[in-house]
Amino acid sequence: MTAIWLLVVSNVFMTIAWYGHLRYKHAALWKVILISWLIAFVEYCFQVPANRIGSSQFSTAQLKTIQEIITLIVFSIFSIIYLKEGLKWNYLVGFAFIVGAAFFIFKKW
């Protein structure tokens, strides 16, 4: 579970780095890039250990799948709460397909 929680924290920082500036479109682009890069550094401080720890439990394909599902959850919450954007039904269907893909990746064949 340590790897999962580290991935969640890293995704929160990365989502803020990638999308947080969208509410500040008046800010100079160079400032946005610099601030986003600093936030992304913090993200890496969680992401790298998460992958290192997680690689003892999961394959890299499984780790990436976990990462993508966490990314969708964190992004959805961020999009609704911070960006004030709604989730449309087709977004949810697309996300469901990605979660469905996890079944095939984690299934023991």
Protein backbone atom coordinates (compact mmCIF):
# COMPACT_ATOMS: atom_id res chain seq x y z
CA MET A 1 0.00 0.00 0.00
CA THR A 2 2.95 2.34 0.48
CA ALA A 3 3.55 2.51 -3.27
CA ILE A 4 -0.14 3.23 -3.91
CA TRP A 5 -0.24 6.10 -1.42
CA LEU A 6 2.97 7.57 -2.81
CA LEU A 7 1.44 7.39 -6.29
CA VAL A 8 -1.66 9.21 -5.05
CA VAL A 9 0.41 12.00 -3.51
CA SER A 10 2.60 12.29 -6.61
CA ASN A 11 -0.49 12.51 -8.80
CA VAL A 12 -1.95 15.32 -6.73
CA PHE A 13 1.25 17.34 -7.25
CA MET A 14 1.48 16.50 -10.95
CA THR A 15 -2.15 17.39 -11.59
CA ILE A 16 -1.58 20.74 -9.90
CA ALA A 17 1.61 21.26 -11.94
CA TRP A 18 -0.06 20.40 -15.24
CA TYR A 19 -3.51 21.95 -14.81
CA GLY A 20 -3.47 24.32 -11.80
CA HIS A 21 -2.27 27.25 -13.88
CA LEU A 22 -5.36 27.13 -16.11
CA ARG A 23 -7.21 29.35 -13.64
CA TYR A 24 -4.44 31.95 -13.98
CA LYS A 25 -4.36 32.55 -17.72
CA HIS A 26 -3.24 36.14 -17.13
CA ALA A 27 0.06 34.98 -15.56
CA ALA A 28 3.16 35.13 -17.74
CA LEU A 29 3.90 31.82 -19.40
CA TRP A 30 7.50 31.72 -18.18
CA LYS A 31 6.28 32.07 -14.57
CA VAL A 32 3.72 29.31 -15.06
CA ILE A 33 6.38 27.02 -16.51
CA LEU A 34 8.80 27.72 -13.66
CA ILE A 35 6.20 27.20 -10.94
CA SER A 36 4.88 24.06 -12.64
CA TRP A 37 8.41 22.70 -12.90
CA LEU A 38 9.02 23.29 -9.19
CA ILE A 39 5.77 21.52 -8.32
CA ALA A 40 6.72 18.66 -10.65
CA PHE A 41 10.01 18.29 -8.76
CA VAL A 42 8.03 17.57 -5.59
CA GLU A 43 5.95 15.09 -7.59
CA TYR A 44 9.10 13.23 -8.62
CA CYS A 45 10.14 12.99 -4.97
CA PHE A 46 7.06 10.80 -4.46
CA GLN A 47 6.86 9.13 -7.88
CA VAL A 48 10.37 7.69 -7.97
CA PRO A 49 10.14 6.01 -4.55
CA ALA A 50 6.63 4.78 -5.40
CA ASN A 51 7.95 3.03 -8.50
CA ARG A 52 10.99 1.69 -6.68
CA ILE A 53 8.89 0.28 -3.84
CA GLY A 54 6.09 -0.84 -6.12
CA SER A 55 8.41 -2.74 -8.44
CA SER A 56 8.94 -5.32 -5.71
CA GLN A 57 5.20 -6.11 -5.73
CA PHE A 58 4.04 -5.31 -9.26
CA SER A 59 5.31 -5.59 -12.81
CA THR A 60 6.05 -2.30 -14.55
CA ALA A 61 2.89 -2.73 -16.67
CA GLN A 62 0.86 -3.16 -13.50
CA LEU A 63 2.52 -0.13 -11.89
CA LYS A 64 1.73 1.98 -14.96
CA THR A 65 -1.87 0.79 -14.93
CA ILE A 66 -2.24 1.67 -11.26
CA GLN A 67 -0.70 5.06 -12.04
CA GLU A 68 -3.16 5.74 -14.85
CA ILE A 69 -6.20 4.81 -12.80
CA ILE A 70 -5.02 6.99 -9.91
CA THR A 71 -4.38 9.79 -12.42
CA LEU A 72 -7.96 9.57 -13.71
CA ILE A 73 -9.40 9.65 -10.20
CA VAL A 74 -7.22 12.56 -9.04
CA PHE A 75 -7.80 14.47 -12.28
CA SER A 76 -11.58 13.96 -12.10
CA ILE A 77 -11.75 15.28 -8.55
CA PHE A 78 -9.44 18.19 -9.40
CA SER A 79 -11.42 19.02 -12.53
CA ILE A 80 -14.72 19.14 -10.64
CA ILE A 81 -13.54 20.93 -7.50
CA TYR A 82 -10.79 23.26 -8.73
CA LEU A 83 -11.52 23.86 -12.39
CA LYS A 84 -15.31 23.72 -11.91
CA GLU A 85 -15.73 21.43 -14.92
CA GLY A 86 -18.26 18.65 -14.99
CA LEU A 87 -17.68 15.06 -15.98
CA LYS A 88 -19.69 14.11 -19.02
CA TRP A 89 -21.10 10.64 -19.54
CA ASN A 90 -18.68 9.91 -22.39
CA TYR A 91 -15.72 10.76 -20.13
CA LEU A 92 -16.99 8.26 -17.60
CA VAL A 93 -17.43 5.59 -20.28
CA GLY A 94 -13.88 6.19 -21.50
CA PHE A 95 -12.55 6.00 -17.95
CA ALA A 96 -14.48 2.77 -17.42
CA PHE A 97 -12.75 1.24 -20.45
CA ILE A 98 -9.38 2.15 -18.96
CA VAL A 99 -10.36 0.59 -15.64
CA GLY A 100 -11.56 -2.44 -17.59
CA ALA A 101 -8.12 -2.68 -19.17
CA ALA A 102 -6.72 -3.11 -15.67
CA PHE A 103 -8.66 -6.38 -15.43
CA PHE A 104 -6.67 -7.82 -18.32
CA ILE A 105 -3.36 -6.54 -16.98
CA PHE A 106 -3.87 -7.90 -13.46
CA LYS A 107 -5.64 -11.16 -14.42
CA LYS A 108 -3.54 -14.27 -13.95
CA TRP A 109 -3.80 -16.11 -17.25
